């Protein structure tokens, strides 16, 4: 379901790698999901995008990821965006990844 959303917005190919919790053996916010991501990319490349503070952003930040909240800004998130559609903009991706 999440991958279909990314595909629908043309976002899957915008990133070096995409890991979706429903496609792994360990669901978020368990650490196993984040460990799987760390095995695939260097830590400085991790950006986690989610729409929930407690199960998305906070666990991501606790595991060394840049936590991006889809929704209203909060100090608990490293960054926020109004909509997933913003990820189609290269400048937004660069801002979120710190490049």
PDB file of N, CA and C in Angstrom:
ATOM      1  N   UNK A   1       0.802  -1.181   0.000  1.00  0.00           N
ATOM      2  CA  UNK A   1       0.000   0.000   0.000  1.00  0.00           C
ATOM      3  C   UNK A   1       0.861   1.267   0.000  1.00  0.00           C
ATOM      4  N   UNK A   2       1.885   1.339   0.857  1.00  0.00           N
ATOM      5  CA  UNK A   2       2.750   2.520   0.905  1.00  0.00           C
ATOM      6  C   UNK A   2       3.558   2.675  -0.379  1.00  0.00           C
ATOM      7  N   UNK A   3       4.051   1.561  -0.912  1.00  0.00           N
ATOM      8  CA  UNK A   3       4.825   1.646  -2.160  1.00  0.00           C
ATOM      9  C   UNK A   3       3.934   2.138  -3.298  1.00  0.00           C
ATOM     10  N   UNK A   4       2.682   1.704  -3.312  1.00  0.00           N
ATOM     11  CA  UNK A   4       1.745   2.165  -4.342  1.00  0.00           C
ATOM     12  C   UNK A   4       1.539   3.674  -4.252  1.00  0.00           C
ATOM     13  N   UNK A   5       1.490   4.208  -3.034  1.00  0.00           N
ATOM     14  CA  UNK A   5       1.369   5.662  -2.863  1.00  0.00           C
ATOM     15  C   UNK A   5       2.586   6.371  -3.451  1.00  0.00           C
ATOM     16  N   UNK A   6       3.758   5.845  -3.150  1.00  0.00           N
ATOM     17  CA  UNK A   6       4.984   6.451  -3.685  1.00  0.00           C
ATOM     18  C   UNK A   6       5.000   6.383  -5.204  1.00  0.00           C
ATOM     19  N   UNK A   7       4.637   5.235  -5.735  1.00  0.00           N
ATOM     20  CA  UNK A   7       4.599   5.066  -7.192  1.00  0.00           C
ATOM     21  C   UNK A   7       3.596   6.020  -7.833  1.00  0.00           C
ATOM     22  N   UNK A   8       2.454   6.165  -7.209  1.00  0.00           N
ATOM     23  CA  UNK A   8       1.402   7.035  -7.744  1.00  0.00           C
ATOM     24  C   UNK A   8       1.871   8.490  -7.850  1.00  0.00           C
ATOM     25  N   UNK A   9       2.709   8.903  -6.897  1.00  0.00           N
ATOM     26  CA  UNK A   9       3.245  10.266  -6.906  1.00  0.00           C
ATOM     27  C   UNK A   9       4.561  10.366  -7.681  1.00  0.00           C
ATOM     28  N   UNK A  10       5.025   9.239  -8.247  1.00  0.00           N
ATOM     29  CA  UNK A  10       6.282   9.244  -8.986  1.00  0.00           C
ATOM     30  C   UNK A  10       7.494   9.443  -8.102  1.00  0.00           C
ATOM     31  N   UNK A  11       7.437   8.949  -6.865  1.00  0.00           N
ATOM     32  CA  UNK A  11       8.493   9.220  -5.895  1.00  0.00           C
ATOM     33  C   UNK A  11       9.498   8.092  -5.709  1.00  0.00           C
ATOM     34  N   UNK A  12       9.154   6.881  -6.060  1.00  0.00           N
ATOM     35  CA  UNK A  12      10.029   5.741  -5.788  1.00  0.00           C
ATOM     36  C   UNK A  12      11.422   5.939  -6.365  1.00  0.00           C
ATOM     37  N   UNK A  13      11.510   6.451  -7.553  1.00  0.00           N
ATOM     38  CA  UNK A  13      12.805   6.628  -8.210  1.00  0.00           C
ATOM     39  C   UNK A  13      13.522   7.907  -7.806  1.00  0.00           C
ATOM     40  N   UNK A  14      12.934   8.716  -6.950  1.00  0.00           N
ATOM     41  CA  UNK A  14      13.549   9.974  -6.520  1.00  0.00           C
ATOM     42  C   UNK A  14      14.580   9.756  -5.415  1.00  0.00           C
ATOM     43  N   UNK A  15      14.602   8.547  -4.856  1.00  0.00           N
ATOM     44  CA  UNK A  15      15.471   8.270  -3.722  1.00  0.00           C
ATOM     45  C   UNK A  15      16.442   7.148  -4.046  1.00  0.00           C
ATOM     46  N   UNK A  16      17.574   7.177  -3.379  1.00  0.00           N
ATOM     47  CA  UNK A  16      18.603   6.157  -3.557  1.00  0.00           C
ATOM     48  C   UNK A  16      18.072   4.781  -3.175  1.00  0.00           C
ATOM     49  N   UNK A  17      17.265   4.723  -2.132  1.00  0.00           N
ATOM     50  CA  UNK A  17      16.668   3.472  -1.675  1.00  0.00           C
ATOM     51  C   UNK A  17      15.387   3.813  -0.917  1.00  0.00           C
ATOM     52  N   UNK A  18      14.446   2.919  -0.934  1.00  0.00           N
ATOM     53  CA  UNK A  18      13.190   3.097  -0.206  1.00  0.00           C
ATOM     54  C   UNK A  18      12.937   1.818   0.576  1.00  0.00           C
ATOM     55  N   UNK A  19      12.756   1.955   1.866  1.00  0.00           N
ATOM     56  CA  UNK A  19      12.442   0.814   2.720  1.00  0.00           C
ATOM     57  C   UNK A  19      11.093   1.086   3.376  1.00  0.00           C
ATOM     58  N   UNK A  20      10.179   0.166   3.209  1.00  0.00           N
ATOM     59  CA  UNK A  20       8.828   0.310   3.746  1.00  0.00           C
ATOM     60  C   UNK A  20       8.632  -0.745   4.823  1.00  0.00           C
ATOM     61  N   UNK A  21       8.183  -0.303   5.994  1.00  0.00           N
ATOM     62  CA  UNK A  21       8.103  -1.213   7.141  1.00  0.00           C
ATOM     63  C   UNK A  21       7.271  -2.452   6.851  1.00  0.00           C
ATOM     64  N   UNK A  22       6.204  -2.323   6.103  1.00  0.00           N
ATOM     65  CA  UNK A  22       5.354  -3.466   5.790  1.00  0.00           C
ATOM     66  C   UNK A  22       6.021  -4.497   4.899  1.00  0.00           C
ATOM     67  N   UNK A  23       7.172  -4.150   4.329  1.00  0.00           N
ATOM     68  CA  UNK A  23       7.907  -5.070   3.460  1.00  0.00           C
ATOM     69  C   UNK A  23       9.101  -5.705   4.168  1.00  0.00           C
ATOM     70  N   UNK A  24       9.212  -5.492   5.483  1.00  0.00           N
ATOM     71  CA  UNK A  24      10.318  -6.059   6.249  1.00  0.00           C
ATOM     72  C   UNK A  24       9.777  -7.035   7.285  1.00  0.00           C
ATOM     73  N   UNK A  25      10.688  -7.740   7.936  1.00  0.00           N
ATOM     74  CA  UNK A  25      10.304  -8.680   8.992  1.00  0.00           C
ATOM     75  C   UNK A  25       9.995  -7.983  10.308  1.00  0.00           C
ATOM     76  N   UNK A  26      10.367  -6.731  10.431  1.00  0.00           N
ATOM     77  CA  UNK A  26      10.177  -5.998  11.680  1.00  0.00           C
ATOM     78  C   UNK A  26       9.439  -4.694  11.406  1.00  0.00           C
ATOM     79  N   UNK A  27       8.312  -4.548  12.028  1.00  0.00           N
ATOM     80  CA  UNK A  27       7.497  -3.351  11.821  1.00  0.00           C
ATOM     81  C   UNK A  27       7.994  -2.202  12.692  1.00  0.00           C
ATOM     82  N   UNK A  28       7.831  -0.991  12.212  1.00  0.00           N
ATOM     83  CA  UNK A  28       8.123   0.179  13.027  1.00  0.00           C
ATOM     84  C   UNK A  28       7.111   0.241  14.154  1.00  0.00           C
ATOM     85  N   UNK A  29       7.341   0.793  15.271  1.00  0.00           N
ATOM     86  CA  UNK A  29       8.555   1.506  15.647  1.00  0.00           C
ATOM     87  C   UNK A  29       9.628   0.622  16.264  1.00  0.00           C
ATOM     88  N   UNK A  30       9.565  -0.674  16.054  1.00  0.00           N
ATOM     89  CA  UNK A  30      10.600  -1.562  16.599  1.00  0.00           C
ATOM     90  C   UNK A  30      11.944  -1.261  15.955  1.00  0.00           C
ATOM     91  N   UNK A  31      13.001  -1.429  16.728  1.00  0.00           N
ATOM     92  CA  UNK A  31      14.341  -1.098  16.251  1.00  0.00           C
ATOM     93  C   UNK A  31      14.780  -1.937  15.061  1.00  0.00           C
ATOM     94  N   UNK A  32      14.243  -3.139  14.897  1.00  0.00           N
ATOM     95  CA  UNK A  32      14.646  -4.011  13.792  1.00  0.00           C
ATOM     96  C   UNK A  32      14.425  -3.376  12.435  1.00  0.00           C
ATOM     97  N   UNK A  33      13.353  -2.626  12.295  1.00  0.00           N
ATOM     98  CA  UNK A  33      13.096  -1.926  11.038  1.00  0.00           C
ATOM     99  C   UNK A  33      14.214  -0.929  10.755  1.00  0.00           C
ATOM    100  N   UNK A  34      14.589  -0.171  11.755  1.00  0.00           N
ATOM    101  CA  UNK A  34      15.630   0.837  11.572  1.00  0.00           C
ATOM    102  C   UNK A  34      16.994   0.189  11.344  1.00  0.00           C
ATOM    103  N   UNK A  35      17.237  -0.934  11.996  1.00  0.00           N
ATOM    104  CA  UNK A  35      18.493  -1.657  11.774  1.00  0.00           C
ATOM    105  C   UNK A  35      18.578  -2.146  10.330  1.00  0.00           C
ATOM    106  N   UNK A  36      17.471  -2.618   9.782  1.00  0.00           N
ATOM    107  CA  UNK A  36      17.449  -3.059   8.382  1.00  0.00           C
ATOM    108  C   UNK A  36      17.801  -1.902   7.454  1.00  0.00           C
ATOM    109  N   UNK A  37      17.296  -0.728   7.749  1.00  0.00           N
ATOM    110  CA  UNK A  37      17.616   0.446   6.927  1.00  0.00           C
ATOM    111  C   UNK A  37      19.090   0.805   7.037  1.00  0.00           C
ATOM    112  N   UNK A  38      19.638   0.713   8.234  1.00  0.00           N
ATOM    113  CA  UNK A  38      21.050   1.048   8.447  1.00  0.00           C
ATOM    114  C   UNK A  38      21.973   0.103   7.687  1.00  0.00           C
ATOM    115  N   UNK A  39      21.526  -1.125   7.460  1.00  0.00           N
ATOM    116  CA  UNK A  39      22.330  -2.075   6.691  1.00  0.00           C
ATOM    117  C   UNK A  39      22.348  -1.726   5.209  1.00  0.00           C
ATOM    118  N   UNK A  40      21.349  -0.997   4.743  1.00  0.00           N
ATOM    119  CA  UNK A  40      21.221  -0.702   3.315  1.00  0.00           C
ATOM    120  C   UNK A  40      21.866   0.615   2.899  1.00  0.00           C
ATOM    121  N   UNK A  41      21.953   1.570   3.815  1.00  0.00           N
ATOM    122  CA  UNK A  41      22.505   2.883   3.494  1.00  0.00           C
ATOM    123  C   UNK A  41      23.325   3.409   4.659  1.00  0.00           C
ATOM    124  N   UNK A  42      24.330   4.249   4.380  1.00  0.00           N
ATOM    125  CA  UNK A  42      25.079   4.880   5.467  1.00  0.00           C
ATOM    126  C   UNK A  42      24.155   5.761   6.316  1.00  0.00           C
ATOM    127  N   UNK A  43      24.439   5.868   7.590  1.00  0.00           N
ATOM    128  CA  UNK A  43      23.572   6.581   8.527  1.00  0.00           C
ATOM    129  C   UNK A  43      23.315   8.030   8.143  1.00  0.00           C
ATOM    130  N   UNK A  44      24.275   8.682   7.537  1.00  0.00           N
ATOM    131  CA  UNK A  44      24.074  10.093   7.191  1.00  0.00           C
ATOM    132  C   UNK A  44      23.100  10.276   6.027  1.00  0.00           C
ATOM    133  N   UNK A  45      22.628   9.208   5.443  1.00  0.00           N
ATOM    134  CA  UNK A  45      21.696   9.273   4.313  1.00  0.00           C
ATOM    135  C   UNK A  45      20.255   8.940   4.707  1.00  0.00           C
ATOM    136  N   UNK A  46      20.029   8.620   5.970  1.00  0.00           N
ATOM    137  CA  UNK A  46      18.705   8.183   6.401  1.00  0.00           C
ATOM    138  C   UNK A  46      17.752   9.344   6.620  1.00  0.00           C
ATOM    139  N   UNK A  47      16.632   9.297   5.926  1.00  0.00           N
ATOM    140  CA  UNK A  47      15.526  10.228   6.140  1.00  0.00           C
ATOM    141  C   UNK A  47      14.277   9.376   6.288  1.00  0.00           C
ATOM    142  N   UNK A  48      13.549   9.611   7.350  1.00  0.00           N
ATOM    143  CA  UNK A  48      12.324   8.861   7.592  1.00  0.00           C
ATOM    144  C   UNK A  48      11.150   9.823   7.472  1.00  0.00           C
ATOM    145  N   UNK A  49      10.225   9.511   6.597  1.00  0.00           N
ATOM    146  CA  UNK A  49       9.051  10.351   6.374  1.00  0.00           C
ATOM    147  C   UNK A  49       7.827   9.618   6.902  1.00  0.00           C
ATOM    148  N   UNK A  50       7.074  10.281   7.768  1.00  0.00           N
ATOM    149  CA  UNK A  50       5.870   9.672   8.313  1.00  0.00           C
ATOM    150  C   UNK A  50       4.868  10.719   8.757  1.00  0.00           C
ATOM    151  N   UNK A  51       3.656  10.266   9.036  1.00  0.00           N
ATOM    152  CA  UNK A  51       2.604  11.211   9.420  1.00  0.00           C
ATOM    153  C   UNK A  51       2.178  11.089  10.881  1.00  0.00           C
ATOM    154  N   UNK A  52       2.923  10.321  11.654  1.00  0.00           N
ATOM    155  CA  UNK A  52       2.598  10.161  13.073  1.00  0.00           C
ATOM    156  C   UNK A  52       3.838  10.441  13.913  1.00  0.00           C
ATOM    157  N   UNK A  53       3.654  11.230  14.935  1.00  0.00           N
ATOM    158  CA  UNK A  53       4.773  11.578  15.806  1.00  0.00           C
ATOM    159  C   UNK A  53       5.279  10.349  16.557  1.00  0.00           C
ATOM    160  N   UNK A  54       4.389   9.662  17.273  1.00  0.00           N
ATOM    161  CA  UNK A  54       4.785   8.585  18.174  1.00  0.00           C
ATOM    162  C   UNK A  54       5.322   7.338  17.517  1.00  0.00           C
ATOM    163  N   UNK A  55       4.783   6.950  16.363  1.00  0.00           N
ATOM    164  CA  UNK A  55       5.228   5.709  15.724  1.00  0.00           C
ATOM    165  C   UNK A  55       6.116   5.946  14.513  1.00  0.00           C
ATOM    166  N   UNK A  56       6.257   7.180  14.083  1.00  0.00           N
ATOM    167  CA  UNK A  56       7.093   7.484  12.922  1.00  0.00           C
ATOM    168  C   UNK A  56       8.288   8.360  13.298  1.00  0.00           C
ATOM    169  N   UNK A  57       8.016   9.600  13.639  1.00  0.00           N
ATOM    170  CA  UNK A  57       9.074  10.599  13.786  1.00  0.00           C
ATOM    171  C   UNK A  57       9.958  10.365  15.008  1.00  0.00           C
ATOM    172  N   UNK A  58       9.359  10.180  16.176  1.00  0.00           N
ATOM    173  CA  UNK A  58      10.162  10.010  17.391  1.00  0.00           C
ATOM    174  C   UNK A  58      11.063   8.776  17.307  1.00  0.00           C
ATOM    175  N   UNK A  59      10.545   7.588  16.945  1.00  0.00           N
ATOM    176  CA  UNK A  59      11.441   6.432  16.831  1.00  0.00           C
ATOM    177  C   UNK A  59      12.529   6.630  15.772  1.00  0.00           C
ATOM    178  N   UNK A  60      12.191   7.302  14.687  1.00  0.00           N
ATOM    179  CA  UNK A  60      13.192   7.556  13.647  1.00  0.00           C
ATOM    180  C   UNK A  60      14.329   8.404  14.199  1.00  0.00           C
ATOM    181  N   UNK A  61      13.988   9.478  14.881  1.00  0.00           N
ATOM    182  CA  UNK A  61      15.013  10.353  15.458  1.00  0.00           C
ATOM    183  C   UNK A  61      15.835   9.621  16.518  1.00  0.00           C
ATOM    184  N   UNK A  62      15.182   8.799  17.323  1.00  0.00           N
ATOM    185  CA  UNK A  62      15.887   8.027  18.352  1.00  0.00           C
ATOM    186  C   UNK A  62      16.875   7.043  17.744  1.00  0.00           C
ATOM    187  N   UNK A  63      16.655   6.649  16.499  1.00  0.00           N
ATOM    188  CA  UNK A  63      17.538   5.703  15.820  1.00  0.00           C
ATOM    189  C   UNK A  63      18.517   6.387  14.871  1.00  0.00           C
ATOM    190  N   UNK A  64      18.649   7.704  14.979  1.00  0.00           N
ATOM    191  CA  UNK A  64      19.647   8.422  14.200  1.00  0.00           C
ATOM    192  C   UNK A  64      19.213   8.862  12.812  1.00  0.00           C
ATOM    193  N   UNK A  65      17.938   8.767  12.509  1.00  0.00           N
ATOM    194  CA  UNK A  65      17.418   9.198  11.210  1.00  0.00           C
ATOM    195  C   UNK A  65      16.980  10.656  11.293  1.00  0.00           C
ATOM    196  N   UNK A  66      16.929  11.321  10.154  1.00  0.00           N
ATOM    197  CA  UNK A  66      16.263  12.619  10.100  1.00  0.00           C
ATOM    198  C   UNK A  66      14.763  12.320  10.036  1.00  0.00           C
ATOM    199  N   UNK A  67      14.032  12.795  11.005  1.00  0.00           N
ATOM    200  CA  UNK A  67      12.597  12.540  11.054  1.00  0.00           C
ATOM    201  C   UNK A  67      11.820  13.655  10.383  1.00  0.00           C
ATOM    202  N   UNK A  68      11.062  13.300   9.361  1.00  0.00           N
ATOM    203  CA  UNK A  68      10.267  14.276   8.618  1.00  0.00           C
ATOM    204  C   UNK A  68       8.789  13.968   8.831  1.00  0.00           C
ATOM    205  N   UNK A  69       8.075  14.946   9.351  1.00  0.00           N
ATOM    206  CA  UNK A  69       6.650  14.786   9.605  1.00  0.00           C
ATOM    207  C   UNK A  69       5.842  15.332   8.441  1.00  0.00           C
ATOM    208  N   UNK A  70       4.904  14.534   7.968  1.00  0.00           N
ATOM    209  CA  UNK A  70       3.937  15.016   6.987  1.00  0.00           C
ATOM    210  C   UNK A  70       2.779  15.584   7.799  1.00  0.00           C
ATOM    211  N   UNK A  71       2.665  16.897   7.819  1.00  0.00           N
ATOM    212  CA  UNK A  71       1.625  17.552   8.607  1.00  0.00           C
ATOM    213  C   UNK A  71       2.153  18.806   9.262  1.00  0.00           C
ATOM    214  N   UNK A  72       1.466  19.223  10.304  1.00  0.00           N
ATOM    215  CA  UNK A  72       1.827  20.458  10.992  1.00  0.00           C
ATOM    216  C   UNK A  72       3.201  20.347  11.639  1.00  0.00           C
ATOM    217  N   UNK A  73       4.019  21.402  11.541  1.00  0.00           N
ATOM    218  CA  UNK A  73       5.358  21.387  12.141  1.00  0.00           C
ATOM    219  C   UNK A  73       5.299  21.149  13.653  1.00  0.00           C
ATOM    220  N   UNK A  74       6.314  20.472  14.150  1.00  0.00           N
ATOM    221  CA  UNK A  74       6.462  20.226  15.582  1.00  0.00           C
ATOM    222  C   UNK A  74       7.948  20.195  15.907  1.00  0.00           C
ATOM    223  N   UNK A  75       8.334  20.624  17.095  1.00  0.00           N
ATOM    224  CA  UNK A  75       9.752  20.567  17.461  1.00  0.00           C
ATOM    225  C   UNK A  75      10.282  19.137  17.600  1.00  0.00           C
ATOM    226  N   UNK A  76       9.393  18.150  17.649  1.00  0.00           N
ATOM    227  CA  UNK A  76       9.831  16.759  17.754  1.00  0.00           C
ATOM    228  C   UNK A  76      10.370  16.221  16.433  1.00  0.00           C
ATOM    229  N   UNK A  77      10.050  16.883  15.335  1.00  0.00           N
ATOM    230  CA  UNK A  77      10.510  16.450  14.006  1.00  0.00           C
ATOM    231  C   UNK A  77      11.671  17.329  13.562  1.00  0.00           C
ATOM    232  N   UNK A  78      12.623  16.726  12.851  1.00  0.00           N
ATOM    233  CA  UNK A  78      13.730  17.508  12.297  1.00  0.00           C
ATOM    234  C   UNK A  78      13.222  18.484  11.245  1.00  0.00           C
ATOM    235  N   UNK A  79      12.266  18.034  10.461  1.00  0.00           N
ATOM    236  CA  UNK A  79      11.675  18.842   9.389  1.00  0.00           C
ATOM    237  C   UNK A  79      10.209  18.447   9.255  1.00  0.00           C
ATOM    238  N   UNK A  80       9.459  19.261   8.535  1.00  0.00           N
ATOM    239  CA  UNK A  80       8.079  18.892   8.235  1.00  0.00           C
ATOM    240  C   UNK A  80       7.730  19.338   6.822  1.00  0.00           C
ATOM    241  N   UNK A  81       6.787  18.632   6.239  1.00  0.00           N
ATOM    242  CA  UNK A  81       6.259  18.977   4.925  1.00  0.00           C
ATOM    243  C   UNK A  81       4.742  18.885   5.018  1.00  0.00           C
ATOM    244  N   UNK A  82       4.058  19.614   4.160  1.00  0.00           N
ATOM    245  CA  UNK A  82       2.597  19.604   4.204  1.00  0.00           C
ATOM    246  C   UNK A  82       2.010  18.357   3.559  1.00  0.00           C
ATOM    247  N   UNK A  83       2.694  17.843   2.527  1.00  0.00           N
ATOM    248  CA  UNK A  83       2.153  16.728   1.751  1.00  0.00           C
ATOM    249  C   UNK A  83       3.293  15.885   1.192  1.00  0.00           C
ATOM    250  N   UNK A  84       3.043  14.601   1.021  1.00  0.00           N
ATOM    251  CA  UNK A  84       4.030  13.709   0.406  1.00  0.00           C
ATOM    252  C   UNK A  84       4.371  14.181  -1.003  1.00  0.00           C
ATOM    253  N   UNK A  85       3.436  14.839  -1.654  1.00  0.00           N
ATOM    254  CA  UNK A  85       3.676  15.336  -3.012  1.00  0.00           C
ATOM    255  C   UNK A  85       4.860  16.298  -3.068  1.00  0.00           C
ATOM    256  N   UNK A  86       5.188  16.957  -1.956  1.00  0.00           N
ATOM    257  CA  UNK A  86       6.339  17.863  -1.919  1.00  0.00           C
ATOM    258  C   UNK A  86       7.649  17.131  -2.195  1.00  0.00           C
ATOM    259  N   UNK A  87       7.660  15.824  -1.979  1.00  0.00           N
ATOM    260  CA  UNK A  87       8.880  15.054  -2.189  1.00  0.00           C
ATOM    261  C   UNK A  87       9.237  14.923  -3.661  1.00  0.00           C
ATOM    262  N   UNK A  88       8.365  15.335  -4.545  1.00  0.00           N
ATOM    263  CA  UNK A  88       8.686  15.299  -5.975  1.00  0.00           C
ATOM    264  C   UNK A  88       9.584  16.465  -6.373  1.00  0.00           C
ATOM    265  N   UNK A  89       9.744  17.430  -5.481  1.00  0.00           N
ATOM    266  CA  UNK A  89      10.575  18.601  -5.737  1.00  0.00           C
ATOM    267  C   UNK A  89      12.004  18.347  -5.256  1.00  0.00           C
ATOM    268  N   UNK A  90      12.953  18.430  -6.163  1.00  0.00           N
ATOM    269  CA  UNK A  90      14.354  18.147  -5.820  1.00  0.00           C
ATOM    270  C   UNK A  90      14.867  19.051  -4.701  1.00  0.00           C
ATOM    271  N   UNK A  91      14.494  20.319  -4.721  1.00  0.00           N
ATOM    272  CA  UNK A  91      14.946  21.242  -3.678  1.00  0.00           C
ATOM    273  C   UNK A  91      14.443  20.807  -2.301  1.00  0.00           C
ATOM    274  N   UNK A  92      13.234  20.287  -2.243  1.00  0.00           N
ATOM    275  CA  UNK A  92      12.693  19.796  -0.977  1.00  0.00           C
ATOM    276  C   UNK A  92      13.485  18.591  -0.498  1.00  0.00           C
ATOM    277  N   UNK A  93      13.789  17.676  -1.392  1.00  0.00           N
ATOM    278  CA  UNK A  93      14.575  16.496  -1.020  1.00  0.00           C
ATOM    279  C   UNK A  93      15.946  16.920  -0.510  1.00  0.00           C
ATOM    280  N   UNK A  94      16.588  17.850  -1.178  1.00  0.00           N
ATOM    281  CA  UNK A  94      17.901  18.327  -0.740  1.00  0.00           C
ATOM    282  C   UNK A  94      17.813  18.983   0.636  1.00  0.00           C
ATOM    283  N   UNK A  95      16.764  19.730   0.882  1.00  0.00           N
ATOM    284  CA  UNK A  95      16.580  20.369   2.192  1.00  0.00           C
ATOM    285  C   UNK A  95      16.397  19.303   3.272  1.00  0.00           C
ATOM    286  N   UNK A  96      15.638  18.270   2.976  1.00  0.00           N
ATOM    287  CA  UNK A  96      15.371  17.222   3.956  1.00  0.00           C
ATOM    288  C   UNK A  96      16.589  16.355   4.232  1.00  0.00           C
ATOM    289  N   UNK A  97      17.401  16.127   3.219  1.00  0.00           N
ATOM    290  CA  UNK A  97      18.573  15.268   3.386  1.00  0.00           C
ATOM    291  C   UNK A  97      19.813  16.043   3.803  1.00  0.00           C
ATOM    292  N   UNK A  98      19.733  17.354   3.808  1.00  0.00           N
ATOM    293  CA  UNK A  98      20.873  18.168   4.206  1.00  0.00           C
ATOM    294  C   UNK A  98      21.931  18.296   3.140  1.00  0.00           C
ATOM    295  N   UNK A  99      21.600  18.004   1.905  1.00  0.00           N
ATOM    296  CA  UNK A  99      22.581  18.098   0.813  1.00  0.00           C
ATOM    297  C   UNK A  99      22.638  19.495   0.259  1.00  0.00           C
TER     298      UNK A  99
END
